[in-house]
Amino acid sequence: MDVAASIEQAILDRLAKAAGAAGKTPNPDSNIMHYIDSYAFLEMILDLTERFGIDIDLSEAETEEMIFVSRLARLIAAQVTPGEMP
């Protein structure tokens, strides 16, 4: 599995857990904010940082890059130095 796909799956797992009993199933085109609030989004970013051992910089990202699962995964993956992920 490539870096973006691994990150995307981690995001989808987090959103599925958040959806819980609501019965919604997130997919790569899902709007993250339909599943979690901004505080939970920050927690998810911190968890991804720890899980994958990477530094994530969203300071110059556009909103559209951060609110959709696949776009966020690609944005984060683009910041990974080859061999950086465990």
C-alpha atoms as a PDB file:
ATOM      1  CA  MET A   1       0.000   0.000   0.000  1.00  0.00           C
ATOM      2  CA  ASP A   2       1.445   3.406  -0.902  1.00  0.00           C
ATOM      3  CA  VAL A   3       1.784   6.285   1.548  1.00  0.00           C
ATOM      4  CA  ALA A   4      -1.331   8.197   0.439  1.00  0.00           C
ATOM      5  CA  ALA A   5      -3.451   5.029   0.540  1.00  0.00           C
ATOM      6  CA  SER A   6      -2.212   4.186   4.052  1.00  0.00           C
ATOM      7  CA  ILE A   7      -2.992   7.677   5.304  1.00  0.00           C
ATOM      8  CA  GLU A   8      -6.372   7.670   3.544  1.00  0.00           C
ATOM      9  CA  GLN A   9      -7.282   4.365   5.183  1.00  0.00           C
ATOM     10  CA  ALA A  10      -6.300   5.710   8.605  1.00  0.00           C
ATOM     11  CA  ILE A  11      -8.544   8.747   8.056  1.00  0.00           C
ATOM     12  CA  LEU A  12     -11.426   6.558   6.864  1.00  0.00           C
ATOM     13  CA  ASP A  13     -11.046   4.312   9.919  1.00  0.00           C
ATOM     14  CA  ARG A  14     -11.182   7.347  12.201  1.00  0.00           C
ATOM     15  CA  LEU A  15     -14.298   8.703  10.474  1.00  0.00           C
ATOM     16  CA  ALA A  16     -16.034   5.314  10.520  1.00  0.00           C
ATOM     17  CA  LYS A  17     -15.440   5.114  14.253  1.00  0.00           C
ATOM     18  CA  ALA A  18     -16.847   8.625  14.679  1.00  0.00           C
ATOM     19  CA  ALA A  19     -19.896   7.775  12.552  1.00  0.00           C
ATOM     20  CA  GLY A  20     -20.663   4.872  14.867  1.00  0.00           C
ATOM     21  CA  ALA A  21     -24.359   4.225  15.199  1.00  0.00           C
ATOM     22  CA  ALA A  22     -25.288   6.922  12.703  1.00  0.00           C
ATOM     23  CA  GLY A  23     -24.882   4.338   9.964  1.00  0.00           C
ATOM     24  CA  LYS A  24     -22.936   6.652   7.666  1.00  0.00           C
ATOM     25  CA  THR A  25     -20.016   5.072   5.832  1.00  0.00           C
ATOM     26  CA  PRO A  26     -17.201   7.446   4.877  1.00  0.00           C
ATOM     27  CA  ASN A  27     -15.462   7.102   1.514  1.00  0.00           C
ATOM     28  CA  PRO A  28     -12.479   8.851  -0.108  1.00  0.00           C
ATOM     29  CA  ASP A  29     -14.737  11.631  -1.420  1.00  0.00           C
ATOM     30  CA  SER A  30     -16.376  12.263   1.960  1.00  0.00           C
ATOM     31  CA  ASN A  31     -16.318  15.686   3.571  1.00  0.00           C
ATOM     32  CA  ILE A  32     -14.483  15.105   6.841  1.00  0.00           C
ATOM     33  CA  MET A  33     -16.532  17.760   8.623  1.00  0.00           C
ATOM     34  CA  HIS A  34     -19.694  15.695   8.101  1.00  0.00           C
ATOM     35  CA  TYR A  35     -18.204  13.183  10.539  1.00  0.00           C
ATOM     36  CA  ILE A  36     -16.103  15.126  13.044  1.00  0.00           C
ATOM     37  CA  ASP A  37     -15.859  18.666  14.401  1.00  0.00           C
ATOM     38  CA  SER A  38     -12.814  20.924  14.194  1.00  0.00           C
ATOM     39  CA  TYR A  39     -11.457  19.782  17.569  1.00  0.00           C
ATOM     40  CA  ALA A  40     -11.670  16.126  16.528  1.00  0.00           C
ATOM     41  CA  PHE A  41      -9.999  17.091  13.233  1.00  0.00           C
ATOM     42  CA  LEU A  42      -7.008  18.470  15.143  1.00  0.00           C
ATOM     43  CA  GLU A  43      -6.905  15.333  17.280  1.00  0.00           C
ATOM     44  CA  MET A  44      -6.937  13.223  14.105  1.00  0.00           C
ATOM     45  CA  ILE A  45      -4.002  15.207  12.659  1.00  0.00           C
ATOM     46  CA  LEU A  46      -2.045  14.688  15.884  1.00  0.00           C
ATOM     47  CA  ASP A  47      -2.877  10.977  15.832  1.00  0.00           C
ATOM     48  CA  LEU A  48      -1.705  10.694  12.216  1.00  0.00           C
ATOM     49  CA  THR A  49       1.515  12.486  13.144  1.00  0.00           C
ATOM     50  CA  GLU A  50       2.162   9.987  15.926  1.00  0.00           C
ATOM     51  CA  ARG A  51       0.948   6.908  14.058  1.00  0.00           C
ATOM     52  CA  PHE A  52       3.043   7.512  10.970  1.00  0.00           C
ATOM     53  CA  GLY A  53       5.934   9.331  12.651  1.00  0.00           C
ATOM     54  CA  ILE A  54       5.730  12.301  10.295  1.00  0.00           C
ATOM     55  CA  ASP A  55       5.464  16.066  10.677  1.00  0.00           C
ATOM     56  CA  ILE A  56       2.282  17.416   9.124  1.00  0.00           C
ATOM     57  CA  ASP A  57       2.181  21.080   8.111  1.00  0.00           C
ATOM     58  CA  LEU A  58      -1.228  22.391   7.115  1.00  0.00           C
ATOM     59  CA  SER A  59      -0.355  26.061   7.597  1.00  0.00           C
ATOM     60  CA  GLU A  60      -0.507  26.917   3.889  1.00  0.00           C
ATOM     61  CA  ALA A  61      -3.141  24.405   2.823  1.00  0.00           C
ATOM     62  CA  GLU A  62      -6.401  25.566   1.300  1.00  0.00           C
ATOM     63  CA  THR A  63      -9.628  24.529   3.027  1.00  0.00           C
ATOM     64  CA  GLU A  64     -10.637  22.372   0.051  1.00  0.00           C
ATOM     65  CA  GLU A  65      -7.422  20.372   0.465  1.00  0.00           C
ATOM     66  CA  MET A  66      -8.184  19.595   4.093  1.00  0.00           C
ATOM     67  CA  ILE A  67     -11.883  18.758   4.239  1.00  0.00           C
ATOM     68  CA  PHE A  68     -12.069  15.838   1.814  1.00  0.00           C
ATOM     69  CA  VAL A  69     -10.524  12.499   2.760  1.00  0.00           C
ATOM     70  CA  SER A  70      -8.570  11.769  -0.422  1.00  0.00           C
ATOM     71  CA  ARG A  71      -7.304  15.342  -0.806  1.00  0.00           C
ATOM     72  CA  LEU A  72      -6.090  15.467   2.794  1.00  0.00           C
ATOM     73  CA  ALA A  73      -4.367  12.098   2.416  1.00  0.00           C
ATOM     74  CA  ARG A  74      -2.559  13.301  -0.725  1.00  0.00           C
ATOM     75  CA  LEU A  75      -1.612  16.592   0.946  1.00  0.00           C
ATOM     76  CA  ILE A  76      -0.074  14.762   3.896  1.00  0.00           C
ATOM     77  CA  ALA A  77       1.593  12.133   1.715  1.00  0.00           C
ATOM     78  CA  ALA A  78       3.255  14.871  -0.346  1.00  0.00           C
ATOM     79  CA  GLN A  79       5.018  16.001   2.827  1.00  0.00           C
ATOM     80  CA  VAL A  80       6.508  12.571   3.554  1.00  0.00           C
ATOM     81  CA  THR A  81      10.177  12.141   2.816  1.00  0.00           C
ATOM     82  CA  PRO A  82      10.893   8.774   1.173  1.00  0.00           C
ATOM     83  CA  GLY A  83      11.716   6.250   3.864  1.00  0.00           C
ATOM     84  CA  GLU A  84      10.280   8.493   6.608  1.00  0.00           C
ATOM     85  CA  MET A  85       7.245   6.362   7.394  1.00  0.00           C
ATOM     86  CA  PRO A  86       7.744   3.241   9.515  1.00  0.00           C
END
